[in-house]
Amino acid sequence: MRVSDLEFTTEMSTSTWAGHRVEMPKTDALRYVSSNEAAADFIESFGDVEIVLDEKYGHYAVPAFKVERDEYCKLKQAHCEIYGSN
């Protein structure tokens, strides 16, 4: 499945927080994709990447971003170990 294959509900059009959560590269953040316009913006920024539903956490993982996300998380963990997480 790709970002362009996402389907949207009426609720998503009225509440961004009801959208699909999709991983982003170089961070541990997720982007809410709640409309065709939001999907087009995501695709413009990151490409029409393959997405896989992570049923445990309820978001879409992006295998193409795994290496970048893992590197970011490793650096973030090292920073937390030195300075704490607050």
PDB file of N, CA and C in Angstrom:
ATOM      1  N   MET A   1       0.852  -1.170   0.000  1.00  0.00           N
ATOM      2  CA  MET A   1       0.000   0.000   0.000  1.00  0.00           C
ATOM      3  C   MET A   1       0.897   1.232   0.000  1.00  0.00           C
ATOM      4  N   ARG A   2       0.419   2.283  -0.625  1.00  0.00           N
ATOM      5  CA  ARG A   2       1.159   3.549  -0.702  1.00  0.00           C
ATOM      6  C   ARG A   2       0.308   4.671  -0.101  1.00  0.00           C
ATOM      7  N   VAL A   3       0.941   5.795   0.148  1.00  0.00           N
ATOM      8  CA  VAL A   3       0.221   6.945   0.708  1.00  0.00           C
ATOM      9  C   VAL A   3      -0.959   7.317  -0.190  1.00  0.00           C
ATOM     10  N   SER A   4      -0.774   7.243  -1.485  1.00  0.00           N
ATOM     11  CA  SER A   4      -1.850   7.597  -2.416  1.00  0.00           C
ATOM     12  C   SER A   4      -3.040   6.642  -2.332  1.00  0.00           C
ATOM     13  N   ASP A   5      -2.879   5.496  -1.688  1.00  0.00           N
ATOM     14  CA  ASP A   5      -3.965   4.526  -1.541  1.00  0.00           C
ATOM     15  C   ASP A   5      -4.819   4.762  -0.297  1.00  0.00           C
ATOM     16  N   LEU A   6      -4.405   5.673   0.575  1.00  0.00           N
ATOM     17  CA  LEU A   6      -5.169   5.932   1.790  1.00  0.00           C
ATOM     18  C   LEU A   6      -6.568   6.423   1.463  1.00  0.00           C
ATOM     19  N   GLU A   7      -7.529   6.004   2.267  1.00  0.00           N
ATOM     20  CA  GLU A   7      -8.907   6.459   2.117  1.00  0.00           C
ATOM     21  C   GLU A   7      -9.270   7.282   3.337  1.00  0.00           C
ATOM     22  N   PHE A   8     -10.176   8.232   3.151  1.00  0.00           N
ATOM     23  CA  PHE A   8     -10.494   9.182   4.205  1.00  0.00           C
ATOM     24  C   PHE A   8     -11.987   9.174   4.519  1.00  0.00           C
ATOM     25  N   THR A   9     -12.290   9.334   5.804  1.00  0.00           N
ATOM     26  CA  THR A   9     -13.673   9.361   6.253  1.00  0.00           C
ATOM     27  C   THR A   9     -14.144  10.800   6.384  1.00  0.00           C
ATOM     28  N   THR A  10     -15.440  10.965   6.536  1.00  0.00           N
ATOM     29  CA  THR A  10     -16.000  12.291   6.764  1.00  0.00           C
ATOM     30  C   THR A  10     -15.448  12.884   8.048  1.00  0.00           C
ATOM     31  N   GLU A  11     -15.302  12.053   9.073  1.00  0.00           N
ATOM     32  CA  GLU A  11     -14.756  12.528  10.350  1.00  0.00           C
ATOM     33  C   GLU A  11     -13.357  13.103  10.167  1.00  0.00           C
ATOM     34  N   MET A  12     -12.549  12.489   9.324  1.00  0.00           N
ATOM     35  CA  MET A  12     -11.196  12.980   9.094  1.00  0.00           C
ATOM     36  C   MET A  12     -11.194  14.370   8.484  1.00  0.00           C
ATOM     37  N   SER A  13     -12.180  14.678   7.673  1.00  0.00           N
ATOM     38  CA  SER A  13     -12.222  16.000   7.041  1.00  0.00           C
ATOM     39  C   SER A  13     -12.567  17.098   8.034  1.00  0.00           C
ATOM     40  N   THR A  14     -13.146  16.738   9.175  1.00  0.00           N
ATOM     41  CA  THR A  14     -13.511  17.745  10.175  1.00  0.00           C
ATOM     42  C   THR A  14     -12.572  17.736  11.375  1.00  0.00           C
ATOM     43  N   SER A  15     -11.754  16.693  11.515  1.00  0.00           N
ATOM     44  CA  SER A  15     -10.834  16.591  12.648  1.00  0.00           C
ATOM     45  C   SER A  15      -9.508  16.012  12.185  1.00  0.00           C
ATOM     46  N   THR A  16      -8.501  16.858  12.131  1.00  0.00           N
ATOM     47  CA  THR A  16      -7.180  16.409  11.713  1.00  0.00           C
ATOM     48  C   THR A  16      -6.698  15.237  12.546  1.00  0.00           C
ATOM     49  N   TRP A  17      -7.019  15.244  13.840  1.00  0.00           N
ATOM     50  CA  TRP A  17      -6.546  14.198  14.746  1.00  0.00           C
ATOM     51  C   TRP A  17      -7.174  12.840  14.450  1.00  0.00           C
ATOM     52  N   ALA A  18      -8.171  12.796  13.601  1.00  0.00           N
ATOM     53  CA  ALA A  18      -8.803  11.534  13.219  1.00  0.00           C
ATOM     54  C   ALA A  18      -8.137  10.931  11.981  1.00  0.00           C
ATOM     55  N   GLY A  19      -7.110  11.603  11.457  1.00  0.00           N
ATOM     56  CA  GLY A  19      -6.451  11.138  10.242  1.00  0.00           C
ATOM     57  C   GLY A  19      -5.533   9.956  10.466  1.00  0.00           C
ATOM     58  N   HIS A  20      -4.968   9.486   9.383  1.00  0.00           N
ATOM     59  CA  HIS A  20      -3.984   8.408   9.416  1.00  0.00           C
ATOM     60  C   HIS A  20      -2.652   8.982   9.907  1.00  0.00           C
ATOM     61  N   ARG A  21      -1.996   8.257  10.797  1.00  0.00           N
ATOM     62  CA  ARG A  21      -0.676   8.679  11.273  1.00  0.00           C
ATOM     63  C   ARG A  21       0.378   7.932  10.466  1.00  0.00           C
ATOM     64  N   VAL A  22       1.302   8.700   9.857  1.00  0.00           N
ATOM     65  CA  VAL A  22       2.316   8.130   8.972  1.00  0.00           C
ATOM     66  C   VAL A  22       3.696   8.597   9.439  1.00  0.00           C
ATOM     67  N   GLU A  23       4.646   7.657   9.508  1.00  0.00           N
ATOM     68  CA  GLU A  23       6.006   7.998   9.904  1.00  0.00           C
ATOM     69  C   GLU A  23       6.639   8.985   8.934  1.00  0.00           C
ATOM     70  N   MET A  24       7.539   9.793   9.489  1.00  0.00           N
ATOM     71  CA  MET A  24       8.317  10.734   8.687  1.00  0.00           C
ATOM     72  C   MET A  24       9.800  10.372   8.805  1.00  0.00           C
ATOM     73  N   PRO A  25      10.625  10.785   7.840  1.00  0.00           N
ATOM     74  CA  PRO A  25      12.051  10.469   7.911  1.00  0.00           C
ATOM     75  C   PRO A  25      12.791  11.396   8.866  1.00  0.00           C
ATOM     76  N   LYS A  26      13.946  10.943   9.346  1.00  0.00           N
ATOM     77  CA  LYS A  26      14.880  11.740  10.147  1.00  0.00           C
ATOM     78  C   LYS A  26      14.297  12.264  11.450  1.00  0.00           C
ATOM     79  N   THR A  27      13.255  11.631  11.970  1.00  0.00           N
ATOM     80  CA  THR A  27      12.636  12.015  13.230  1.00  0.00           C
ATOM     81  C   THR A  27      11.823  10.839  13.743  1.00  0.00           C
ATOM     82  N   ASP A  28      11.366  10.947  14.987  1.00  0.00           N
ATOM     83  CA  ASP A  28      10.467   9.914  15.494  1.00  0.00           C
ATOM     84  C   ASP A  28       9.018  10.398  15.461  1.00  0.00           C
ATOM     85  N   ALA A  29       8.790  11.506  14.783  1.00  0.00           N
ATOM     86  CA  ALA A  29       7.452  12.096  14.693  1.00  0.00           C
ATOM     87  C   ALA A  29       6.601  11.385  13.635  1.00  0.00           C
ATOM     88  N   LEU A  30       5.296  11.569  13.788  1.00  0.00           N
ATOM     89  CA  LEU A  30       4.325  11.068  12.817  1.00  0.00           C
ATOM     90  C   LEU A  30       3.584  12.254  12.233  1.00  0.00           C
ATOM     91  N   ARG A  31       3.169  12.143  10.985  1.00  0.00           N
ATOM     92  CA  ARG A  31       2.359  13.189  10.370  1.00  0.00           C
ATOM     93  C   ARG A  31       0.947  12.660  10.210  1.00  0.00           C
ATOM     94  N   TYR A  32      -0.028  13.487  10.584  1.00  0.00           N
ATOM     95  CA  TYR A  32      -1.428  13.133  10.372  1.00  0.00           C
ATOM     96  C   TYR A  32      -1.790  13.453   8.929  1.00  0.00           C
ATOM     97  N   VAL A  33      -2.315  12.463   8.230  1.00  0.00           N
ATOM     98  CA  VAL A  33      -2.768  12.612   6.852  1.00  0.00           C
ATOM     99  C   VAL A  33      -4.265  12.355   6.879  1.00  0.00           C
ATOM    100  N   SER A  34      -5.047  13.433   6.724  1.00  0.00           N
ATOM    101  CA  SER A  34      -6.492  13.317   6.953  1.00  0.00           C
ATOM    102  C   SER A  34      -7.353  13.697   5.751  1.00  0.00           C
ATOM    103  N   SER A  35      -6.716  13.948   4.608  1.00  0.00           N
ATOM    104  CA  SER A  35      -7.489  14.316   3.413  1.00  0.00           C
ATOM    105  C   SER A  35      -6.640  14.057   2.173  1.00  0.00           C
ATOM    106  N   ASN A  36      -7.280  14.150   1.030  1.00  0.00           N
ATOM    107  CA  ASN A  36      -6.534  14.006  -0.225  1.00  0.00           C
ATOM    108  C   ASN A  36      -5.475  15.086  -0.355  1.00  0.00           C
ATOM    109  N   GLU A  37      -5.796  16.302   0.114  1.00  0.00           N
ATOM    110  CA  GLU A  37      -4.837  17.404   0.058  1.00  0.00           C
ATOM    111  C   GLU A  37      -3.633  17.117   0.955  1.00  0.00           C
ATOM    112  N   ALA A  38      -3.892  16.604   2.171  1.00  0.00           N
ATOM    113  CA  ALA A  38      -2.804  16.268   3.087  1.00  0.00           C
ATOM    114  C   ALA A  38      -1.942  15.143   2.507  1.00  0.00           C
ATOM    115  N   ALA A  39      -2.571  14.188   1.851  1.00  0.00           N
ATOM    116  CA  ALA A  39      -1.820  13.098   1.212  1.00  0.00           C
ATOM    117  C   ALA A  39      -0.948  13.659   0.088  1.00  0.00           C
ATOM    118  N   ALA A  40      -1.491  14.576  -0.693  1.00  0.00           N
ATOM    119  CA  ALA A  40      -0.718  15.192  -1.780  1.00  0.00           C
ATOM    120  C   ALA A  40       0.471  15.968  -1.222  1.00  0.00           C
ATOM    121  N   ASP A  41       0.278  16.667  -0.104  1.00  0.00           N
ATOM    122  CA  ASP A  41       1.384  17.394   0.535  1.00  0.00           C
ATOM    123  C   ASP A  41       2.459  16.433   1.023  1.00  0.00           C
ATOM    124  N   PHE A  42       2.034  15.323   1.644  1.00  0.00           N
ATOM    125  CA  PHE A  42       2.991  14.320   2.115  1.00  0.00           C
ATOM    126  C   PHE A  42       3.779  13.772   0.929  1.00  0.00           C
ATOM    127  N   ILE A  43       3.081  13.414  -0.137  1.00  0.00           N
ATOM    128  CA  ILE A  43       3.724  12.848  -1.325  1.00  0.00           C
ATOM    129  C   ILE A  43       4.695  13.849  -1.944  1.00  0.00           C
ATOM    130  N   GLU A  44       4.315  15.108  -1.971  1.00  0.00           N
ATOM    131  CA  GLU A  44       5.203  16.141  -2.518  1.00  0.00           C
ATOM    132  C   GLU A  44       6.484  16.245  -1.689  1.00  0.00           C
ATOM    133  N   SER A  45       6.355  16.117  -0.368  1.00  0.00           N
ATOM    134  CA  SER A  45       7.512  16.252   0.516  1.00  0.00           C
ATOM    135  C   SER A  45       8.384  14.998   0.564  1.00  0.00           C
ATOM    136  N   PHE A  46       7.759  13.821   0.594  1.00  0.00           N
ATOM    137  CA  PHE A  46       8.497  12.586   0.869  1.00  0.00           C
ATOM    138  C   PHE A  46       8.344  11.499  -0.186  1.00  0.00           C
ATOM    139  N   GLY A  47       7.495  11.725  -1.169  1.00  0.00           N
ATOM    140  CA  GLY A  47       7.249  10.725  -2.197  1.00  0.00           C
ATOM    141  C   GLY A  47       6.063   9.839  -1.848  1.00  0.00           C
ATOM    142  N   ASP A  48       5.585   9.122  -2.841  1.00  0.00           N
ATOM    143  CA  ASP A  48       4.462   8.202  -2.644  1.00  0.00           C
ATOM    144  C   ASP A  48       5.026   6.871  -2.164  1.00  0.00           C
ATOM    145  N   VAL A  49       5.500   6.902  -0.922  1.00  0.00           N
ATOM    146  CA  VAL A  49       6.219   5.763  -0.354  1.00  0.00           C
ATOM    147  C   VAL A  49       5.275   4.637   0.042  1.00  0.00           C
ATOM    148  N   GLU A  50       5.845   3.442   0.116  1.00  0.00           N
ATOM    149  CA  GLU A  50       5.112   2.278   0.609  1.00  0.00           C
ATOM    150  C   GLU A  50       4.872   2.461   2.107  1.00  0.00           C
ATOM    151  N   ILE A  51       3.671   2.122   2.563  1.00  0.00           N
ATOM    152  CA  ILE A  51       3.332   2.207   3.978  1.00  0.00           C
ATOM    153  C   ILE A  51       2.778   0.858   4.435  1.00  0.00           C
ATOM    154  N   VAL A  52       3.050   0.534   5.713  1.00  0.00           N
ATOM    155  CA  VAL A  52       2.604  -0.732   6.286  1.00  0.00           C
ATOM    156  C   VAL A  52       1.960  -0.426   7.631  1.00  0.00           C
ATOM    157  N   LEU A  53       0.739  -0.898   7.837  1.00  0.00           N
ATOM    158  CA  LEU A  53       0.048  -0.645   9.093  1.00  0.00           C
ATOM    159  C   LEU A  53       0.747  -1.370  10.234  1.00  0.00           C
ATOM    160  N   ASP A  54       1.124  -0.614  11.250  1.00  0.00           N
ATOM    161  CA  ASP A  54       1.689  -1.171  12.475  1.00  0.00           C
ATOM    162  C   ASP A  54       0.519  -1.325  13.438  1.00  0.00           C
ATOM    163  N   GLU A  55      -0.013  -2.519  13.515  1.00  0.00           N
ATOM    164  CA  GLU A  55      -1.230  -2.746  14.308  1.00  0.00           C
ATOM    165  C   GLU A  55      -0.999  -2.543  15.797  1.00  0.00           C
ATOM    166  N   LYS A  56       0.225  -2.772  16.272  1.00  0.00           N
ATOM    167  CA  LYS A  56       0.509  -2.590  17.694  1.00  0.00           C
ATOM    168  C   LYS A  56       0.328  -1.127  18.100  1.00  0.00           C
ATOM    169  N   TYR A  57       0.831  -0.210  17.298  1.00  0.00           N
ATOM    170  CA  TYR A  57       0.786   1.213  17.631  1.00  0.00           C
ATOM    171  C   TYR A  57      -0.255   2.004  16.850  1.00  0.00           C
ATOM    172  N   GLY A  58      -0.860   1.390  15.838  1.00  0.00           N
ATOM    173  CA  GLY A  58      -1.939   2.032  15.097  1.00  0.00           C
ATOM    174  C   GLY A  58      -1.516   3.137  14.154  1.00  0.00           C
ATOM    175  N   HIS A  59      -0.299   3.070  13.657  1.00  0.00           N
ATOM    176  CA  HIS A  59       0.136   4.049  12.665  1.00  0.00           C
ATOM    177  C   HIS A  59       0.713   3.312  11.458  1.00  0.00           C
ATOM    178  N   TYR A  60       1.015   4.079  10.412  1.00  0.00           N
ATOM    179  CA  TYR A  60       1.621   3.485   9.223  1.00  0.00           C
ATOM    180  C   TYR A  60       3.130   3.664   9.279  1.00  0.00           C
ATOM    181  N   ALA A  61       3.841   2.557   9.260  1.00  0.00           N
ATOM    182  CA  ALA A  61       5.300   2.574   9.193  1.00  0.00           C
ATOM    183  C   ALA A  61       5.710   2.731   7.731  1.00  0.00           C
ATOM    184  N   VAL A  62       6.862   3.359   7.524  1.00  0.00           N
ATOM    185  CA  VAL A  62       7.396   3.554   6.180  1.00  0.00           C
ATOM    186  C   VAL A  62       8.756   2.858   6.122  1.00  0.00           C
ATOM    187  N   PRO A  63       8.798   1.646   5.556  1.00  0.00           N
ATOM    188  CA  PRO A  63      10.062   0.905   5.514  1.00  0.00           C
ATOM    189  C   PRO A  63      11.221   1.704   4.906  1.00  0.00           C
ATOM    190  N   ALA A  64      10.954   2.554   3.933  1.00  0.00           N
ATOM    191  CA  ALA A  64      12.013   3.335   3.288  1.00  0.00           C
ATOM    192  C   ALA A  64      12.663   4.330   4.243  1.00  0.00           C
ATOM    193  N   PHE A  65      11.986   4.683   5.323  1.00  0.00           N
ATOM    194  CA  PHE A  65      12.518   5.650   6.283  1.00  0.00           C
ATOM    195  C   PHE A  65      13.191   4.983   7.475  1.00  0.00           C
ATOM    196  N   LYS A  66      13.204   3.659   7.538  1.00  0.00           N
ATOM    197  CA  LYS A  66      13.675   2.944   8.734  1.00  0.00           C
ATOM    198  C   LYS A  66      15.100   3.308   9.129  1.00  0.00           C
ATOM    199  N   VAL A  67      16.029   3.325   8.212  1.00  0.00           N
ATOM    200  CA  VAL A  67      17.427   3.599   8.544  1.00  0.00           C
ATOM    201  C   VAL A  67      17.562   5.002   9.133  1.00  0.00           C
ATOM    202  N   GLU A  68      16.946   5.996   8.493  1.00  0.00           N
ATOM    203  CA  GLU A  68      17.025   7.373   8.990  1.00  0.00           C
ATOM    204  C   GLU A  68      16.378   7.507  10.365  1.00  0.00           C
ATOM    205  N   ARG A  69      15.233   6.868  10.563  1.00  0.00           N
ATOM    206  CA  ARG A  69      14.539   6.935  11.854  1.00  0.00           C
ATOM    207  C   ARG A  69      15.354   6.237  12.938  1.00  0.00           C
ATOM    208  N   ASP A  70      15.946   5.099  12.622  1.00  0.00           N
ATOM    209  CA  ASP A  70      16.770   4.382  13.598  1.00  0.00           C
ATOM    210  C   ASP A  70      17.986   5.215  13.999  1.00  0.00           C
ATOM    211  N   GLU A  71      18.630   5.890  13.036  1.00  0.00           N
ATOM    212  CA  GLU A  71      19.772   6.753  13.341  1.00  0.00           C
ATOM    213  C   GLU A  71      19.347   7.899  14.258  1.00  0.00           C
ATOM    214  N   TYR A  72      18.215   8.516  13.945  1.00  0.00           N
ATOM    215  CA  TYR A  72      17.704   9.605  14.778  1.00  0.00           C
ATOM    216  C   TYR A  72      17.438   9.111  16.203  1.00  0.00           C
ATOM    217  N   CYS A  73      16.767   7.987  16.335  1.00  0.00           N
ATOM    218  CA  CYS A  73      16.424   7.456  17.657  1.00  0.00           C
ATOM    219  C   CYS A  73      17.678   7.096  18.455  1.00  0.00           C
ATOM    220  N   LYS A  74      18.712   6.598  17.781  1.00  0.00           N
ATOM    221  CA  LYS A  74      19.963   6.278  18.456  1.00  0.00           C
ATOM    222  C   LYS A  74      20.604   7.549  19.006  1.00  0.00           C
ATOM    223  N   LEU A  75      20.634   8.606  18.213  1.00  0.00           N
ATOM    224  CA  LEU A  75      21.190   9.882  18.674  1.00  0.00           C
ATOM    225  C   LEU A  75      20.355  10.479  19.800  1.00  0.00           C
ATOM    226  N   LYS A  76      19.045  10.380  19.684  1.00  0.00           N
ATOM    227  CA  LYS A  76      18.155  10.899  20.720  1.00  0.00           C
ATOM    228  C   LYS A  76      18.366  10.144  22.032  1.00  0.00           C
ATOM    229  N   GLN A  77      18.503   8.818  21.963  1.00  0.00           N
ATOM    230  CA  GLN A  77      18.740   8.017  23.159  1.00  0.00           C
ATOM    231  C   GLN A  77      20.058   8.402  23.824  1.00  0.00           C
ATOM    232  N   ALA A  78      21.102   8.604  23.020  1.00  0.00           N
ATOM    233  CA  ALA A  78      22.399   9.000  23.572  1.00  0.00           C
ATOM    234  C   ALA A  78      22.284  10.353  24.275  1.00  0.00           C
ATOM    235  N   HIS A  79      21.562  11.277  23.694  1.00  0.00           N
ATOM    236  CA  HIS A  79      21.351  12.590  24.297  1.00  0.00           C
ATOM    237  C   HIS A  79      20.596  12.451  25.611  1.00  0.00           C
ATOM    238  N   CYS A  80      19.568  11.630  25.636  1.00  0.00           N
ATOM    239  CA  CYS A  80      18.790  11.413  26.867  1.00  0.00           C
ATOM    240  C   CYS A  80      19.639  10.786  27.965  1.00  0.00           C
ATOM    241  N   GLU A  81      20.533   9.885  27.585  1.00  0.00           N
ATOM    242  CA  GLU A  81      21.407   9.264  28.577  1.00  0.00           C
ATOM    243  C   GLU A  81      22.357  10.279  29.210  1.00  0.00           C
ATOM    244  N   ILE A  82      22.772  11.270  28.445  1.00  0.00           N
ATOM    245  CA  ILE A  82      23.674  12.302  28.963  1.00  0.00           C
ATOM    246  C   ILE A  82      22.914  13.362  29.748  1.00  0.00           C
ATOM    247  N   TYR A  83      21.827  13.884  29.181  1.00  0.00           N
ATOM    248  CA  TYR A  83      21.149  15.046  29.733  1.00  0.00           C
ATOM    249  C   TYR A  83      19.792  14.745  30.383  1.00  0.00           C
ATOM    250  N   GLY A  84      19.304  13.553  30.265  1.00  0.00           N
ATOM    251  CA  GLY A  84      17.974  13.225  30.761  1.00  0.00           C
ATOM    252  C   GLY A  84      16.936  13.516  29.695  1.00  0.00           C
ATOM    253  N   SER A  85      15.711  13.150  29.983  1.00  0.00           N
ATOM    254  CA  SER A  85      14.658  13.282  28.963  1.00  0.00           C
ATOM    255  C   SER A  85      13.740  14.467  29.179  1.00  0.00           C
ATOM    256  N   ASN A  86      14.004  15.296  30.161  1.00  0.00           N
ATOM    257  CA  ASN A  86      13.136  16.464  30.389  1.00  0.00           C
ATOM    258  C   ASN A  86      13.696  17.705  29.826  1.00  0.00           C
TER     259      ASN A  86
END
